């Protein structure tokens, strides 16, 4: 894992400073370990949100986790990378909806 529990606490603080949803922050604050964070069903959403709202750019360490999911790989390539993310294309193409969106919105297909 690229992040420790202490790192997570620092990210939570930055998320709060950047107007993160109070409900989501409450959920994250109730987690007791970094393993719980990475195993939580909303982990990818939280990583994506953090890259777009706090970092406002690529978070290379988080990319290994994000690129395991076709939906968040699509959103990350579209909104963060703002272009093709070849490292995630194998995963993206496993989902018809996000494969189509990726081709249309990221690759410029019609």
Protein backbone atom coordinates (compact mmCIF):
# COMPACT_ATOMS: atom_id res chain seq x y z
CA UNK A 1 0.00 0.00 0.00
CA UNK A 2 1.24 3.44 -0.86
CA UNK A 3 -0.27 5.13 2.17
CA UNK A 4 -0.06 4.63 5.93
CA UNK A 5 -2.86 5.22 8.42
CA UNK A 6 -1.08 8.43 9.47
CA UNK A 7 -1.01 9.55 5.82
CA UNK A 8 -4.73 8.84 5.65
CA UNK A 9 -5.36 11.09 8.64
CA UNK A 10 -3.47 13.91 6.89
CA UNK A 11 -5.53 13.33 3.73
CA UNK A 12 -8.73 13.50 5.78
CA UNK A 13 -7.66 16.87 7.16
CA UNK A 14 -6.93 18.18 3.66
CA UNK A 15 -10.25 16.80 2.41
CA UNK A 16 -12.10 18.63 5.17
CA UNK A 17 -10.27 21.84 4.25
CA UNK A 18 -11.47 21.33 0.65
CA UNK A 19 -15.14 20.92 1.56
CA UNK A 20 -15.42 17.16 1.42
CA UNK A 21 -18.84 15.75 2.11
CA UNK A 22 -19.30 15.55 5.86
CA UNK A 23 -21.06 12.20 5.54
CA UNK A 24 -18.13 10.68 3.62
CA UNK A 25 -15.60 12.09 6.10
CA UNK A 26 -17.58 10.58 8.97
CA UNK A 27 -17.36 7.16 7.32
CA UNK A 28 -13.62 7.43 6.73
CA UNK A 29 -12.95 8.65 10.27
CA UNK A 30 -14.64 5.52 11.64
CA UNK A 31 -12.14 3.25 9.89
CA UNK A 32 -9.53 1.75 12.18
CA UNK A 33 -6.78 0.85 9.74
CA UNK A 34 -5.41 1.61 6.32
CA UNK A 35 -6.50 -1.91 5.29
CA UNK A 36 -10.09 -1.01 6.11
CA UNK A 37 -9.75 2.08 3.93
CA UNK A 38 -8.43 0.15 0.93
CA UNK A 39 -11.01 -2.61 1.38
CA UNK A 40 -13.95 -0.22 1.69
CA UNK A 41 -16.37 -0.24 -1.29
CA UNK A 42 -16.00 3.55 -1.64
CA UNK A 43 -12.19 3.59 -1.61
CA UNK A 44 -11.87 4.27 -5.34
CA UNK A 45 -14.41 7.08 -5.15
CA UNK A 46 -12.49 8.67 -2.29
CA UNK A 47 -9.15 8.40 -4.13
CA UNK A 48 -10.67 9.86 -7.28
CA UNK A 49 -12.32 12.70 -5.35
CA UNK A 50 -9.06 13.51 -3.57
CA UNK A 51 -7.15 13.73 -6.85
CA UNK A 52 -9.72 16.03 -8.43
CA UNK A 53 -10.54 18.28 -5.45
CA UNK A 54 -7.37 18.39 -3.35
CA UNK A 55 -4.36 17.43 -5.45
CA UNK A 56 -5.92 18.71 -8.69
CA UNK A 57 -3.63 16.52 -10.69
CA UNK A 58 -2.16 13.07 -10.94
CA UNK A 59 -1.50 11.02 -7.82
CA UNK A 60 0.92 8.48 -9.17
CA UNK A 61 0.90 6.29 -6.07
CA UNK A 62 -2.90 5.99 -6.15
CA UNK A 63 -2.96 5.09 -9.84
CA UNK A 64 -2.07 1.46 -9.10
CA UNK A 65 -5.30 1.15 -7.14
CA UNK A 66 -7.48 3.30 -9.41
CA UNK A 67 -6.51 1.43 -12.56
CA UNK A 68 -7.97 -1.80 -11.19
CA UNK A 69 -11.50 -0.54 -11.88
CA UNK A 70 -12.94 0.31 -15.32
CA UNK A 71 -15.26 3.06 -14.10
CA UNK A 72 -12.74 4.99 -12.02
CA UNK A 73 -10.04 4.43 -14.62
CA UNK A 74 -12.33 6.16 -17.09
CA UNK A 75 -13.13 9.06 -14.75
CA UNK A 76 -9.46 9.46 -13.78
CA UNK A 77 -8.27 9.47 -17.40
CA UNK A 78 -10.98 11.94 -18.40
CA UNK A 79 -10.84 14.33 -15.45
CA UNK A 80 -7.31 14.04 -14.08
CA UNK A 81 -5.03 12.88 -16.89
CA UNK A 82 -7.26 14.59 -19.47
CA UNK A 83 -6.23 12.11 -22.11
CA UNK A 84 -5.43 8.48 -22.79
CA UNK A 85 -4.25 6.35 -19.91
CA UNK A 86 -2.78 3.42 -21.77
CA UNK A 87 -1.81 1.61 -18.57
CA UNK A 88 -5.52 1.29 -17.66
CA UNK A 89 -6.96 0.53 -21.09
CA UNK A 90 -6.92 -3.25 -20.58
CA UNK A 91 -9.14 -2.82 -17.52
CA UNK A 92 -11.38 -0.18 -19.10
CA UNK A 93 -12.13 -2.37 -22.10
CA UNK A 94 -13.62 -5.04 -19.82
CA UNK A 95 -16.68 -2.85 -19.22
CA UNK A 96 -18.86 -2.04 -22.25
CA UNK A 97 -20.25 1.23 -20.86
CA UNK A 98 -16.93 2.70 -19.74
CA UNK A 99 -15.11 1.34 -22.76
CA UNK A 100 -17.57 3.25 -24.94
CA UNK A 101 -17.29 6.39 -22.82
CA UNK A 102 -13.49 6.17 -22.87
CA UNK A 103 -13.43 5.82 -26.65
CA UNK A 104 -15.86 8.69 -27.09
CA UNK A 105 -14.78 11.15 -24.39
CA UNK A 106 -11.08 10.43 -23.97
CA UNK A 107 -9.96 9.08 -27.31
CA UNK A 108 -12.25 11.35 -29.32
CA UNK A 109 -14.21 8.64 -31.09
CA UNK A 110 -17.78 9.02 -32.19
